[in-house]
Amino acid sequence: MDENVEEALIQYVKEFHFVRDSRKLIQEFCSRQPPLSITIYRGHGSSPHIREGLWYSATTDINIAVNEFSGKNCCVFIIHLVNIPCIDVNKYIGNKIRDKKDENEIIFLGGGKF
């Protein structure tokens, strides 16, 4: 992983901030990862819909999705990925994101149906 992708991932995970072209950098890096088949969870605090995007993030831990990301009024999506390129955030930048490491975040490519 080059330093621009690393910076983009760190800024996104730690501060939910995107540096210039970071969405595209993350998408391109993700597309080069080996495909995984995995069940992940995405919590939403106010919307029962997942908007279209280049990529999405979720967690492997349902408790994180429920307690950290869903709200009293909304949702936790259970997402079954089948042979989808994914970034295991902790694998690449876990030592640089401190307390966010506990989120067990997975980034996966967009384009699917929810």
PDB file of N, CA and C in Angstrom:
ATOM      1  N   MET A   1       0.848  -1.162   0.000  1.00  0.00           N
ATOM      2  CA  MET A   1       0.000   0.000   0.000  1.00  0.00           C
ATOM      3  C   MET A   1       0.903   1.237   0.000  1.00  0.00           C
ATOM      4  N   ASP A   2       0.608   2.171  -0.894  1.00  0.00           N
ATOM      5  CA  ASP A   2       1.443   3.365  -0.919  1.00  0.00           C
ATOM      6  C   ASP A   2       0.990   4.364   0.145  1.00  0.00           C
ATOM      7  N   GLU A   3       1.814   5.369   0.382  1.00  0.00           N
ATOM      8  CA  GLU A   3       1.546   6.305   1.485  1.00  0.00           C
ATOM      9  C   GLU A   3       0.302   7.160   1.265  1.00  0.00           C
ATOM     10  N   ASN A   4      -0.099   7.421   0.016  1.00  0.00           N
ATOM     11  CA  ASN A   4      -1.320   8.189  -0.239  1.00  0.00           C
ATOM     12  C   ASN A   4      -2.566   7.401   0.163  1.00  0.00           C
ATOM     13  N   VAL A   5      -2.569   6.113  -0.137  1.00  0.00           N
ATOM     14  CA  VAL A   5      -3.691   5.256   0.263  1.00  0.00           C
ATOM     15  C   VAL A   5      -3.710   5.139   1.784  1.00  0.00           C
ATOM     16  N   GLU A   6      -2.557   4.940   2.376  1.00  0.00           N
ATOM     17  CA  GLU A   6      -2.482   4.844   3.834  1.00  0.00           C
ATOM     18  C   GLU A   6      -3.022   6.113   4.493  1.00  0.00           C
ATOM     19  N   GLU A   7      -2.607   7.271   4.015  1.00  0.00           N
ATOM     20  CA  GLU A   7      -3.096   8.539   4.571  1.00  0.00           C
ATOM     21  C   GLU A   7      -4.612   8.659   4.398  1.00  0.00           C
ATOM     22  N   ALA A   8      -5.116   8.289   3.235  1.00  0.00           N
ATOM     23  CA  ALA A   8      -6.558   8.355   2.983  1.00  0.00           C
ATOM     24  C   ALA A   8      -7.324   7.454   3.947  1.00  0.00           C
ATOM     25  N   LEU A   9      -6.833   6.232   4.152  1.00  0.00           N
ATOM     26  CA  LEU A   9      -7.495   5.311   5.082  1.00  0.00           C
ATOM     27  C   LEU A   9      -7.464   5.841   6.515  1.00  0.00           C
ATOM     28  N   ILE A  10      -6.329   6.336   6.947  1.00  0.00           N
ATOM     29  CA  ILE A  10      -6.205   6.846   8.313  1.00  0.00           C
ATOM     30  C   ILE A  10      -7.141   8.029   8.529  1.00  0.00           C
ATOM     31  N   GLN A  11      -7.161   8.967   7.610  1.00  0.00           N
ATOM     32  CA  GLN A  11      -8.034  10.140   7.744  1.00  0.00           C
ATOM     33  C   GLN A  11      -9.504   9.736   7.757  1.00  0.00           C
ATOM     34  N   TYR A  12      -9.869   8.782   6.922  1.00  0.00           N
ATOM     35  CA  TYR A  12     -11.250   8.331   6.884  1.00  0.00           C
ATOM     36  C   TYR A  12     -11.638   7.650   8.200  1.00  0.00           C
ATOM     37  N   VAL A  13     -10.827   6.705   8.654  1.00  0.00           N
ATOM     38  CA  VAL A  13     -11.171   5.917   9.836  1.00  0.00           C
ATOM     39  C   VAL A  13     -11.129   6.762  11.108  1.00  0.00           C
ATOM     40  N   LYS A  14     -10.105   7.571  11.282  1.00  0.00           N
ATOM     41  CA  LYS A  14      -9.953   8.320  12.521  1.00  0.00           C
ATOM     42  C   LYS A  14     -10.887   9.526  12.614  1.00  0.00           C
ATOM     43  N   GLU A  15     -11.109  10.199  11.482  1.00  0.00           N
ATOM     44  CA  GLU A  15     -11.830  11.470  11.540  1.00  0.00           C
ATOM     45  C   GLU A  15     -13.015  11.542  10.580  1.00  0.00           C
ATOM     46  N   PHE A  16     -13.290  10.474   9.874  1.00  0.00           N
ATOM     47  CA  PHE A  16     -14.318  10.467   8.836  1.00  0.00           C
ATOM     48  C   PHE A  16     -14.145  11.668   7.917  1.00  0.00           C
ATOM     49  N   HIS A  17     -12.885  11.910   7.568  1.00  0.00           N
ATOM     50  CA  HIS A  17     -12.499  13.033   6.715  1.00  0.00           C
ATOM     51  C   HIS A  17     -11.820  12.471   5.470  1.00  0.00           C
ATOM     52  N   PHE A  18     -12.125  13.078   4.336  1.00  0.00           N
ATOM     53  CA  PHE A  18     -11.521  12.634   3.086  1.00  0.00           C
ATOM     54  C   PHE A  18     -10.530  13.672   2.596  1.00  0.00           C
ATOM     55  N   VAL A  19      -9.303  13.230   2.355  1.00  0.00           N
ATOM     56  CA  VAL A  19      -8.319  14.090   1.711  1.00  0.00           C
ATOM     57  C   VAL A  19      -8.580  14.039   0.205  1.00  0.00           C
ATOM     58  N   ARG A  20      -7.922  14.891  -0.526  1.00  0.00           N
ATOM     59  CA  ARG A  20      -8.154  14.989  -1.967  1.00  0.00           C
ATOM     60  C   ARG A  20      -8.035  13.634  -2.646  1.00  0.00           C
ATOM     61  N   ASP A  21      -9.032  13.288  -3.440  1.00  0.00           N
ATOM     62  CA  ASP A  21      -9.081  12.042  -4.210  1.00  0.00           C
ATOM     63  C   ASP A  21      -9.070  10.767  -3.364  1.00  0.00           C
ATOM     64  N   SER A  22      -9.290  10.890  -2.065  1.00  0.00           N
ATOM     65  CA  SER A  22      -9.166   9.714  -1.207  1.00  0.00           C
ATOM     66  C   SER A  22     -10.231   8.658  -1.460  1.00  0.00           C
ATOM     67  N   ARG A  23     -11.453   9.076  -1.794  1.00  0.00           N
ATOM     68  CA  ARG A  23     -12.489   8.067  -2.080  1.00  0.00           C
ATOM     69  C   ARG A  23     -12.046   7.162  -3.225  1.00  0.00           C
ATOM     70  N   LYS A  24     -11.500   7.764  -4.257  1.00  0.00           N
ATOM     71  CA  LYS A  24     -11.057   6.998  -5.427  1.00  0.00           C
ATOM     72  C   LYS A  24      -9.823   6.144  -5.088  1.00  0.00           C
ATOM     73  N   LEU A  25      -8.902   6.693  -4.321  1.00  0.00           N
ATOM     74  CA  LEU A  25      -7.723   5.919  -3.912  1.00  0.00           C
ATOM     75  C   LEU A  25      -8.121   4.672  -3.132  1.00  0.00           C
ATOM     76  N   ILE A  26      -9.062   4.838  -2.201  1.00  0.00           N
ATOM     77  CA  ILE A  26      -9.526   3.708  -1.403  1.00  0.00           C
ATOM     78  C   ILE A  26     -10.238   2.692  -2.287  1.00  0.00           C
ATOM     79  N   GLN A  27     -11.062   3.162  -3.212  1.00  0.00           N
ATOM     80  CA  GLN A  27     -11.755   2.259  -4.131  1.00  0.00           C
ATOM     81  C   GLN A  27     -10.761   1.453  -4.958  1.00  0.00           C
ATOM     82  N   GLU A  28      -9.766   2.097  -5.513  1.00  0.00           N
ATOM     83  CA  GLU A  28      -8.784   1.401  -6.350  1.00  0.00           C
ATOM     84  C   GLU A  28      -7.973   0.392  -5.543  1.00  0.00           C
ATOM     85  N   PHE A  29      -7.583   0.771  -4.323  1.00  0.00           N
ATOM     86  CA  PHE A  29      -6.852  -0.164  -3.466  1.00  0.00           C
ATOM     87  C   PHE A  29      -7.727  -1.363  -3.113  1.00  0.00           C
ATOM     88  N   CYS A  30      -8.974  -1.083  -2.788  1.00  0.00           N
ATOM     89  CA  CYS A  30      -9.905  -2.166  -2.441  1.00  0.00           C
ATOM     90  C   CYS A  30     -10.078  -3.128  -3.615  1.00  0.00           C
ATOM     91  N   SER A  31     -10.183  -2.603  -4.804  1.00  0.00           N
ATOM     92  CA  SER A  31     -10.412  -3.454  -5.982  1.00  0.00           C
ATOM     93  C   SER A  31      -9.254  -4.419  -6.239  1.00  0.00           C
ATOM     94  N   ARG A  32      -8.072  -4.114  -5.696  1.00  0.00           N
ATOM     95  CA  ARG A  32      -6.902  -4.985  -5.873  1.00  0.00           C
ATOM     96  C   ARG A  32      -6.744  -6.022  -4.755  1.00  0.00           C
ATOM     97  N   GLN A  33      -7.653  -6.013  -3.796  1.00  0.00           N
ATOM     98  CA  GLN A  33      -7.569  -6.951  -2.672  1.00  0.00           C
ATOM     99  C   GLN A  33      -8.208  -8.283  -3.046  1.00  0.00           C
ATOM    100  N   PRO A  34      -7.778  -9.350  -2.387  1.00  0.00           N
ATOM    101  CA  PRO A  34      -8.393 -10.649  -2.674  1.00  0.00           C
ATOM    102  C   PRO A  34      -9.848 -10.661  -2.223  1.00  0.00           C
ATOM    103  N   PRO A  35     -10.716 -11.307  -2.986  1.00  0.00           N
ATOM    104  CA  PRO A  35     -12.128 -11.358  -2.604  1.00  0.00           C
ATOM    105  C   PRO A  35     -12.341 -12.218  -1.358  1.00  0.00           C
ATOM    106  N   LEU A  36     -13.292 -11.773  -0.549  1.00  0.00           N
ATOM    107  CA  LEU A  36     -13.664 -12.493   0.666  1.00  0.00           C
ATOM    108  C   LEU A  36     -15.145 -12.833   0.627  1.00  0.00           C
ATOM    109  N   SER A  37     -15.501 -13.865   1.336  1.00  0.00           N
ATOM    110  CA  SER A  37     -16.895 -14.165   1.628  1.00  0.00           C
ATOM    111  C   SER A  37     -17.014 -14.062   3.144  1.00  0.00           C
ATOM    112  N   ILE A  38     -17.814 -13.097   3.595  1.00  0.00           N
ATOM    113  CA  ILE A  38     -17.855 -12.754   5.012  1.00  0.00           C
ATOM    114  C   ILE A  38     -19.197 -12.107   5.346  1.00  0.00           C
ATOM    115  N   THR A  39     -19.639 -12.252   6.569  1.00  0.00           N
ATOM    116  CA  THR A  39     -20.820 -11.546   7.043  1.00  0.00           C
ATOM    117  C   THR A  39     -20.355 -10.362   7.881  1.00  0.00           C
ATOM    118  N   ILE A  40     -20.883  -9.180   7.558  1.00  0.00           N
ATOM    119  CA  ILE A  40     -20.522  -7.953   8.258  1.00  0.00           C
ATOM    120  C   ILE A  40     -21.796  -7.198   8.631  1.00  0.00           C
ATOM    121  N   TYR A  41     -21.637  -6.159   9.447  1.00  0.00           N
ATOM    122  CA  TYR A  41     -22.786  -5.430   9.980  1.00  0.00           C
ATOM    123  C   TYR A  41     -22.545  -3.934   9.823  1.00  0.00           C
ATOM    124  N   ARG A  42     -23.596  -3.242   9.386  1.00  0.00           N
ATOM    125  CA  ARG A  42     -23.506  -1.800   9.188  1.00  0.00           C
ATOM    126  C   ARG A  42     -24.627  -1.133   9.971  1.00  0.00           C
ATOM    127  N   GLY A  43     -24.272  -0.271  10.889  1.00  0.00           N
ATOM    128  CA  GLY A  43     -25.253   0.439  11.685  1.00  0.00           C
ATOM    129  C   GLY A  43     -25.549   1.806  11.099  1.00  0.00           C
ATOM    130  N   HIS A  44     -26.827   2.173  11.084  1.00  0.00           N
ATOM    131  CA  HIS A  44     -27.271   3.501  10.640  1.00  0.00           C
ATOM    132  C   HIS A  44     -28.067   4.140  11.764  1.00  0.00           C
ATOM    133  N   GLY A  45     -27.781   5.381  12.049  1.00  0.00           N
ATOM    134  CA  GLY A  45     -28.467   6.066  13.125  1.00  0.00           C
ATOM    135  C   GLY A  45     -29.803   6.656  12.757  1.00  0.00           C
ATOM    136  N   SER A  46     -30.018   6.963  11.465  1.00  0.00           N
ATOM    137  CA  SER A  46     -31.274   7.637  11.139  1.00  0.00           C
ATOM    138  C   SER A  46     -31.914   7.211   9.829  1.00  0.00           C
ATOM    139  N   SER A  47     -31.235   6.493   8.998  1.00  0.00           N
ATOM    140  CA  SER A  47     -31.784   6.156   7.688  1.00  0.00           C
ATOM    141  C   SER A  47     -31.873   4.645   7.485  1.00  0.00           C
ATOM    142  N   PRO A  48     -33.015   4.164   7.020  1.00  0.00           N
ATOM    143  CA  PRO A  48     -33.148   2.737   6.728  1.00  0.00           C
ATOM    144  C   PRO A  48     -32.654   2.380   5.320  1.00  0.00           C
ATOM    145  N   HIS A  49     -31.891   3.276   4.699  1.00  0.00           N
ATOM    146  CA  HIS A  49     -31.405   3.062   3.330  1.00  0.00           C
ATOM    147  C   HIS A  49     -29.891   3.240   3.284  1.00  0.00           C
ATOM    148  N   ILE A  50     -29.258   2.461   2.433  1.00  0.00           N
ATOM    149  CA  ILE A  50     -27.833   2.629   2.164  1.00  0.00           C
ATOM    150  C   ILE A  50     -27.723   3.312   0.808  1.00  0.00           C
ATOM    151  N   ARG A  51     -27.140   4.503   0.810  1.00  0.00           N
ATOM    152  CA  ARG A  51     -26.977   5.253  -0.443  1.00  0.00           C
ATOM    153  C   ARG A  51     -25.889   4.622  -1.306  1.00  0.00           C
ATOM    154  N   GLU A  52     -26.017   4.820  -2.609  1.00  0.00           N
ATOM    155  CA  GLU A  52     -25.011   4.289  -3.532  1.00  0.00           C
ATOM    156  C   GLU A  52     -23.678   4.984  -3.298  1.00  0.00           C
ATOM    157  N   GLY A  53     -22.600   4.219  -3.431  1.00  0.00           N
ATOM    158  CA  GLY A  53     -21.268   4.766  -3.258  1.00  0.00           C
ATOM    159  C   GLY A  53     -20.234   3.917  -3.960  1.00  0.00           C
ATOM    160  N   LEU A  54     -19.020   4.459  -4.053  1.00  0.00           N
ATOM    161  CA  LEU A  54     -17.913   3.700  -4.647  1.00  0.00           C
ATOM    162  C   LEU A  54     -17.553   2.508  -3.772  1.00  0.00           C
ATOM    163  N   TRP A  55     -17.693   2.684  -2.463  1.00  0.00           N
ATOM    164  CA  TRP A  55     -17.384   1.651  -1.491  1.00  0.00           C
ATOM    165  C   TRP A  55     -18.137   1.965  -0.209  1.00  0.00           C
ATOM    166  N   TYR A  56     -18.153   0.977   0.674  1.00  0.00           N
ATOM    167  CA  TYR A  56     -18.861   1.101   1.941  1.00  0.00           C
ATOM    168  C   TYR A  56     -17.969   0.562   3.044  1.00  0.00           C
ATOM    169  N   SER A  57     -18.346   0.892   4.273  1.00  0.00           N
ATOM    170  CA  SER A  57     -17.641   0.298   5.403  1.00  0.00           C
ATOM    171  C   SER A  57     -18.655  -0.321   6.356  1.00  0.00           C
ATOM    172  N   ALA A  58     -18.198  -1.315   7.064  1.00  0.00           N
ATOM    173  CA  ALA A  58     -19.027  -2.027   8.022  1.00  0.00           C
ATOM    174  C   ALA A  58     -18.074  -2.669   9.030  1.00  0.00           C
ATOM    175  N   THR A  59     -18.622  -3.408   9.960  1.00  0.00           N
ATOM    176  CA  THR A  59     -17.816  -4.051  10.987  1.00  0.00           C
ATOM    177  C   THR A  59     -18.094  -5.551  11.020  1.00  0.00           C
ATOM    178  N   THR A  60     -17.123  -6.273  11.509  1.00  0.00           N
ATOM    179  CA  THR A  60     -17.325  -7.708  11.688  1.00  0.00           C
ATOM    180  C   THR A  60     -18.002  -8.004  13.024  1.00  0.00           C
ATOM    181  N   ASP A  61     -18.193  -6.972  13.847  1.00  0.00           N
ATOM    182  CA  ASP A  61     -18.732  -7.129  15.198  1.00  0.00           C
ATOM    183  C   ASP A  61     -20.127  -6.511  15.297  1.00  0.00           C
ATOM    184  N   ILE A  62     -21.151  -7.340  15.428  1.00  0.00           N
ATOM    185  CA  ILE A  62     -22.528  -6.833  15.493  1.00  0.00           C
ATOM    186  C   ILE A  62     -22.730  -5.886  16.669  1.00  0.00           C
ATOM    187  N   ASN A  63     -22.033  -6.105  17.780  1.00  0.00           N
ATOM    188  CA  ASN A  63     -22.173  -5.217  18.931  1.00  0.00           C
ATOM    189  C   ASN A  63     -21.681  -3.804  18.632  1.00  0.00           C
ATOM    190  N   ILE A  64     -20.636  -3.685  17.845  1.00  0.00           N
ATOM    191  CA  ILE A  64     -20.149  -2.364  17.430  1.00  0.00           C
ATOM    192  C   ILE A  64     -21.193  -1.685  16.553  1.00  0.00           C
ATOM    193  N   ALA A  65     -21.762  -2.424  15.608  1.00  0.00           N
ATOM    194  CA  ALA A  65     -22.792  -1.849  14.728  1.00  0.00           C
ATOM    195  C   ALA A  65     -23.985  -1.360  15.534  1.00  0.00           C
ATOM    196  N   VAL A  66     -24.405  -2.153  16.506  1.00  0.00           N
ATOM    197  CA  VAL A  66     -25.574  -1.792  17.325  1.00  0.00           C
ATOM    198  C   VAL A  66     -25.248  -0.632  18.258  1.00  0.00           C
ATOM    199  N   ASN A  67     -24.183  -0.753  19.017  1.00  0.00           N
ATOM    200  CA  ASN A  67     -23.895   0.208  20.082  1.00  0.00           C
ATOM    201  C   ASN A  67     -23.193   1.485  19.629  1.00  0.00           C
ATOM    202  N   GLU A  68     -22.423   1.413  18.563  1.00  0.00           N
ATOM    203  CA  GLU A  68     -21.656   2.576  18.126  1.00  0.00           C
ATOM    204  C   GLU A  68     -22.273   3.319  16.945  1.00  0.00           C
ATOM    205  N   PHE A  69     -22.975   2.606  16.077  1.00  0.00           N
ATOM    206  CA  PHE A  69     -23.393   3.238  14.826  1.00  0.00           C
ATOM    207  C   PHE A  69     -24.897   3.297  14.589  1.00  0.00           C
ATOM    208  N   SER A  70     -25.668   2.401  15.148  1.00  0.00           N
ATOM    209  CA  SER A  70     -27.113   2.493  14.966  1.00  0.00           C
ATOM    210  C   SER A  70     -27.671   3.411  16.051  1.00  0.00           C
ATOM    211  N   GLY A  71     -28.840   3.922  15.804  1.00  0.00           N
ATOM    212  CA  GLY A  71     -29.448   4.798  16.783  1.00  0.00           C
ATOM    213  C   GLY A  71     -30.688   4.165  17.370  1.00  0.00           C
ATOM    214  N   LYS A  72     -31.331   4.910  18.243  1.00  0.00           N
ATOM    215  CA  LYS A  72     -32.564   4.419  18.849  1.00  0.00           C
ATOM    216  C   LYS A  72     -33.665   4.245  17.812  1.00  0.00           C
ATOM    217  N   ASN A  73     -33.592   5.014  16.741  1.00  0.00           N
ATOM    218  CA  ASN A  73     -34.641   5.011  15.730  1.00  0.00           C
ATOM    219  C   ASN A  73     -34.331   4.174  14.507  1.00  0.00           C
ATOM    220  N   CYS A  74     -33.153   3.602  14.452  1.00  0.00           N
ATOM    221  CA  CYS A  74     -32.856   2.915  13.190  1.00  0.00           C
ATOM    222  C   CYS A  74     -32.065   1.649  13.345  1.00  0.00           C
ATOM    223  N   CYS A  75     -31.248   1.379  12.439  1.00  0.00           N
ATOM    224  CA  CYS A  75     -31.035   0.090  11.828  1.00  0.00           C
ATOM    225  C   CYS A  75     -29.634  -0.491  11.959  1.00  0.00           C
ATOM    226  N   VAL A  76     -29.606  -1.802  11.891  1.00  0.00           N
ATOM    227  CA  VAL A  76     -28.375  -2.541  11.662  1.00  0.00           C
ATOM    228  C   VAL A  76     -28.628  -3.450  10.472  1.00  0.00           C
ATOM    229  N   PHE A  77     -27.799  -3.302   9.457  1.00  0.00           N
ATOM    230  CA  PHE A  77     -27.892  -4.141   8.268  1.00  0.00           C
ATOM    231  C   PHE A  77     -26.947  -5.321   8.438  1.00  0.00           C
ATOM    232  N   ILE A  78     -27.415  -6.500   8.142  1.00  0.00           N
ATOM    233  CA  ILE A  78     -26.581  -7.696   8.092  1.00  0.00           C
ATOM    234  C   ILE A  78     -26.264  -7.906   6.622  1.00  0.00           C
ATOM    235  N   ILE A  79     -24.994  -7.865   6.286  1.00  0.00           N
ATOM    236  CA  ILE A  79     -24.568  -7.916   4.888  1.00  0.00           C
ATOM    237  C   ILE A  79     -23.722  -9.166   4.681  1.00  0.00           C
ATOM    238  N   HIS A  80     -24.128  -9.980   3.745  1.00  0.00           N
ATOM    239  CA  HIS A  80     -23.379 -11.187   3.398  1.00  0.00           C
ATOM    240  C   HIS A  80     -22.626 -10.894   2.103  1.00  0.00           C
ATOM    241  N   LEU A  81     -21.324 -10.780   2.201  1.00  0.00           N
ATOM    242  CA  LEU A  81     -20.494 -10.562   1.023  1.00  0.00           C
ATOM    243  C   LEU A  81     -20.044 -11.914   0.501  1.00  0.00           C
ATOM    244  N   VAL A  82     -20.150 -12.086  -0.802  1.00  0.00           N
ATOM    245  CA  VAL A  82     -19.722 -13.327  -1.441  1.00  0.00           C
ATOM    246  C   VAL A  82     -18.714 -12.977  -2.527  1.00  0.00           C
ATOM    247  N   ASN A  83     -17.466 -13.351  -2.296  1.00  0.00           N
ATOM    248  CA  ASN A  83     -16.380 -13.105  -3.246  1.00  0.00           C
ATOM    249  C   ASN A  83     -16.280 -11.640  -3.647  1.00  0.00           C
ATOM    250  N   ILE A  84     -16.161 -10.768  -2.650  1.00  0.00           N
ATOM    251  CA  ILE A  84     -16.062  -9.327  -2.870  1.00  0.00           C
ATOM    252  C   ILE A  84     -14.697  -8.850  -2.377  1.00  0.00           C
ATOM    253  N   PRO A  85     -13.978  -8.050  -3.181  1.00  0.00           N
ATOM    254  CA  PRO A  85     -12.721  -7.475  -2.693  1.00  0.00           C
ATOM    255  C   PRO A  85     -12.988  -6.592  -1.477  1.00  0.00           C
ATOM    256  N   CYS A  86     -12.186  -6.781  -0.424  1.00  0.00           N
ATOM    257  CA  CYS A  86     -12.381  -6.066   0.835  1.00  0.00           C
ATOM    258  C   CYS A  86     -11.037  -5.620   1.404  1.00  0.00           C
ATOM    259  N   ILE A  87     -11.098  -4.535   2.183  1.00  0.00           N
ATOM    260  CA  ILE A  87      -9.943  -4.087   2.956  1.00  0.00           C
ATOM    261  C   ILE A  87     -10.251  -4.359   4.428  1.00  0.00           C
ATOM    262  N   ASP A  88      -9.450  -5.166   5.055  1.00  0.00           N
ATOM    263  CA  ASP A  88      -9.511  -5.324   6.503  1.00  0.00           C
ATOM    264  C   ASP A  88      -8.667  -4.182   7.065  1.00  0.00           C
ATOM    265  N   VAL A  89      -9.324  -3.153   7.569  1.00  0.00           N
ATOM    266  CA  VAL A  89      -8.640  -1.934   7.992  1.00  0.00           C
ATOM    267  C   VAL A  89      -7.555  -2.229   9.022  1.00  0.00           C
ATOM    268  N   ASN A  90      -7.851  -3.080   9.992  1.00  0.00           N
ATOM    269  CA  ASN A  90      -6.858  -3.373  11.028  1.00  0.00           C
ATOM    270  C   ASN A  90      -5.610  -4.035  10.462  1.00  0.00           C
ATOM    271  N   LYS A  91      -5.766  -4.797   9.420  1.00  0.00           N
ATOM    272  CA  LYS A  91      -4.621  -5.468   8.798  1.00  0.00           C
ATOM    273  C   LYS A  91      -3.623  -4.444   8.246  1.00  0.00           C
ATOM    274  N   TYR A  92      -4.132  -3.368   7.688  1.00  0.00           N
ATOM    275  CA  TYR A  92      -3.262  -2.390   7.023  1.00  0.00           C
ATOM    276  C   TYR A  92      -2.852  -1.219   7.906  1.00  0.00           C
ATOM    277  N   ILE A  93      -3.761  -0.722   8.742  1.00  0.00           N
ATOM    278  CA  ILE A  93      -3.433   0.475   9.522  1.00  0.00           C
ATOM    279  C   ILE A  93      -3.824   0.344  10.996  1.00  0.00           C
ATOM    280  N   GLY A  94      -4.062  -0.850  11.462  1.00  0.00           N
ATOM    281  CA  GLY A  94      -4.499  -1.061  12.842  1.00  0.00           C
ATOM    282  C   GLY A  94      -3.599  -0.414  13.879  1.00  0.00           C
ATOM    283  N   ASN A  95      -2.294  -0.416  13.633  1.00  0.00           N
ATOM    284  CA  ASN A  95      -1.364   0.164  14.597  1.00  0.00           C
ATOM    285  C   ASN A  95      -1.339   1.689  14.548  1.00  0.00           C
ATOM    286  N   LYS A  96      -2.089   2.304  13.612  1.00  0.00           N
ATOM    287  CA  LYS A  96      -2.079   3.762  13.457  1.00  0.00           C
ATOM    288  C   LYS A  96      -3.423   4.419  13.757  1.00  0.00           C
ATOM    289  N   ILE A  97      -4.389   3.626  14.184  1.00  0.00           N
ATOM    290  CA  ILE A  97      -5.721   4.204  14.385  1.00  0.00           C
ATOM    291  C   ILE A  97      -6.214   4.079  15.828  1.00  0.00           C
ATOM    292  N   ARG A  98      -5.362   3.707  16.742  1.00  0.00           N
ATOM    293  CA  ARG A  98      -5.621   3.627  18.177  1.00  0.00           C
ATOM    294  C   ARG A  98      -6.979   3.050  18.549  1.00  0.00           C
ATOM    295  N   ASP A  99      -7.826   3.865  19.158  1.00  0.00           N
ATOM    296  CA  ASP A  99      -9.111   3.373  19.675  1.00  0.00           C
ATOM    297  C   ASP A  99     -10.075   2.935  18.584  1.00  0.00           C
ATOM    298  N   LYS A 100      -9.881   3.364  17.355  1.00  0.00           N
ATOM    299  CA  LYS A 100     -10.751   2.956  16.245  1.00  0.00           C
ATOM    300  C   LYS A 100     -10.497   1.505  15.835  1.00  0.00           C
ATOM    301  N   LYS A 101      -9.386   0.960  16.277  1.00  0.00           N
ATOM    302  CA  LYS A 101      -9.050  -0.426  15.941  1.00  0.00           C
ATOM    303  C   LYS A 101     -10.134  -1.384  16.422  1.00  0.00           C
ATOM    304  N   ASP A 102     -10.766  -1.056  17.555  1.00  0.00           N
ATOM    305  CA  ASP A 102     -11.813  -1.908  18.119  1.00  0.00           C
ATOM    306  C   ASP A 102     -13.063  -1.989  17.246  1.00  0.00           C
ATOM    307  N   GLU A 103     -13.178  -1.100  16.267  1.00  0.00           N
ATOM    308  CA  GLU A 103     -14.346  -1.122  15.380  1.00  0.00           C
ATOM    309  C   GLU A 103     -14.314  -2.278  14.385  1.00  0.00           C
ATOM    310  N   ASN A 104     -13.161  -2.915  14.203  1.00  0.00           N
ATOM    311  CA  ASN A 104     -13.035  -4.058  13.289  1.00  0.00           C
ATOM    312  C   ASN A 104     -13.642  -3.748  11.921  1.00  0.00           C
ATOM    313  N   GLU A 105     -13.219  -2.641  11.358  1.00  0.00           N
ATOM    314  CA  GLU A 105     -13.823  -2.131  10.129  1.00  0.00           C
ATOM    315  C   GLU A 105     -13.355  -2.884   8.884  1.00  0.00           C
ATOM    316  N   ILE A 106     -14.311  -3.121   8.009  1.00  0.00           N
ATOM    317  CA  ILE A 106     -14.072  -3.719   6.699  1.00  0.00           C
ATOM    318  C   ILE A 106     -14.599  -2.736   5.662  1.00  0.00           C
ATOM    319  N   ILE A 107     -13.807  -2.451   4.664  1.00  0.00           N
ATOM    320  CA  ILE A 107     -14.243  -1.632   3.533  1.00  0.00           C
ATOM    321  C   ILE A 107     -14.435  -2.554   2.359  1.00  0.00           C
ATOM    322  N   PHE A 108     -15.565  -2.396   1.663  1.00  0.00           N
ATOM    323  CA  PHE A 108     -15.861  -3.259   0.524  1.00  0.00           C
ATOM    324  C   PHE A 108     -16.404  -2.420  -0.612  1.00  0.00           C
ATOM    325  N   LEU A 109     -16.279  -2.943  -1.825  1.00  0.00           N
ATOM    326  CA  LEU A 109     -16.679  -2.199  -3.016  1.00  0.00           C
ATOM    327  C   LEU A 109     -18.179  -2.017  -3.110  1.00  0.00           C
ATOM    328  N   GLY A 110     -18.586  -0.909  -3.700  1.00  0.00           N
ATOM    329  CA  GLY A 110     -19.998  -0.620  -3.930  1.00  0.00           C
ATOM    330  C   GLY A 110     -20.475  -1.286  -5.206  1.00  0.00           C
ATOM    331  N   GLY A 111     -21.701  -0.970  -5.550  1.00  0.00           N
ATOM    332  CA  GLY A 111     -22.268  -1.511  -6.785  1.00  0.00           C
ATOM    333  C   GLY A 111     -23.234  -2.637  -6.578  1.00  0.00           C
ATOM    334  N   GLY A 112     -23.321  -3.176  -5.375  1.00  0.00           N
ATOM    335  CA  GLY A 112     -24.253  -4.263  -5.104  1.00  0.00           C
ATOM    336  C   GLY A 112     -25.624  -3.748  -4.723  1.00  0.00           C
ATOM    337  N   LYS A 113     -26.507  -4.649  -4.443  1.00  0.00           N
ATOM    338  CA  LYS A 113     -27.865  -4.304  -4.027  1.00  0.00           C
ATOM    339  C   LYS A 113     -28.031  -4.609  -2.561  1.00  0.00           C
ATOM    340  N   PHE A 114     -28.761  -3.752  -1.852  1.00  0.00           N
ATOM    341  CA  PHE A 114     -29.044  -3.946  -0.432  1.00  0.00           C
ATOM    342  C   PHE A 114     -30.526  -4.098  -0.251  1.00  0.00           C
TER     343      PHE A 114
END
